[in-house]
Amino acid sequence: MKIVDIRKYTTAELAKESTKLREEIADLRRRVHMGEATNVRQIRAKRKDLARMLTVLSEQLAKENV
């Protein structure tokens, strides 16, 4: 997901999407560990998306508090 797309989300949407991504990452880790999935690069991509979302979320929260 591109940072431009993430910046369009509201604070509530970002919080919801970040929890959804955390669940997806946990599920992917479980599936890789069990041998069901072999594409470990997906985990890396999801983690980077999560980091982008959390960065934008913290920026938005900082703007709201100022």
Protein backbone atom coordinates (compact mmCIF):
# COMPACT_ATOMS: atom_id res chain seq x y z
CA MET A 1 0.00 0.00 0.00
CA LYS A 2 1.31 3.42 -0.93
CA ILE A 3 1.81 6.17 1.64
CA VAL A 4 -0.39 8.50 -0.44
CA ASP A 5 -3.30 6.08 -0.07
CA ILE A 6 -2.71 5.70 3.66
CA ARG A 7 -2.73 9.46 4.25
CA LYS A 8 -6.32 9.61 2.93
CA TYR A 9 -7.60 7.55 5.87
CA THR A 10 -9.01 9.14 9.00
CA THR A 11 -7.57 8.40 12.42
CA ALA A 12 -10.31 5.90 13.27
CA GLU A 13 -9.91 4.10 9.95
CA LEU A 14 -6.15 3.86 10.46
CA ALA A 15 -6.60 2.34 13.91
CA LYS A 16 -9.06 -0.20 12.52
CA GLU A 17 -6.85 -1.09 9.56
CA SER A 18 -3.76 -1.45 11.76
CA THR A 19 -5.48 -3.99 14.01
CA LYS A 20 -6.68 -5.84 10.92
CA LEU A 21 -3.12 -5.93 9.57
CA ARG A 22 -1.77 -7.21 12.89
CA GLU A 23 -4.25 -10.09 12.74
CA GLU A 24 -3.25 -10.87 9.14
CA ILE A 25 0.43 -10.90 10.09
CA ALA A 26 -0.22 -13.26 13.00
CA ASP A 27 -2.26 -15.53 10.73
CA LEU A 28 0.48 -15.56 8.08
CA ARG A 29 3.12 -16.38 10.68
CA ARG A 30 0.98 -19.27 11.93
CA ARG A 31 0.45 -20.57 8.41
CA VAL A 32 4.17 -20.38 7.57
CA HIS A 33 5.05 -22.17 10.78
CA MET A 34 2.53 -24.93 10.05
CA GLY A 35 3.82 -25.28 6.50
CA GLU A 36 0.61 -24.18 4.78
CA ALA A 37 2.16 -21.05 3.27
CA THR A 38 5.64 -20.76 1.82
CA ASN A 39 5.71 -17.10 0.78
CA VAL A 40 7.43 -15.42 3.73
CA ARG A 41 7.86 -12.21 1.74
CA GLN A 42 4.17 -11.51 2.31
CA ILE A 43 4.86 -11.13 6.02
CA ARG A 44 7.56 -8.57 5.31
CA ALA A 45 5.28 -6.57 3.01
CA LYS A 46 2.46 -6.56 5.57
CA ARG A 47 4.85 -5.49 8.34
CA LYS A 48 6.03 -2.57 6.21
CA ASP A 49 2.44 -1.56 5.48
CA LEU A 50 1.72 -1.68 9.21
CA ALA A 51 4.74 0.51 9.93
CA ARG A 52 3.58 3.05 7.35
CA MET A 53 0.10 3.10 8.87
CA LEU A 54 1.41 3.56 12.39
CA THR A 55 3.68 6.38 11.23
CA VAL A 56 0.83 8.26 9.58
CA LEU A 57 -1.39 7.56 12.60
CA SER A 58 1.16 9.07 14.97
CA GLU A 59 1.57 12.09 12.68
CA GLN A 60 -2.19 12.66 12.66
CA LEU A 61 -2.45 12.29 16.43
CA ALA A 62 0.39 14.76 16.90
CA LYS A 63 -1.39 17.30 14.68
CA GLU A 64 -4.63 16.86 16.63
CA ASN A 65 -2.90 17.44 19.97
CA VAL A 66 -1.13 20.60 18.90
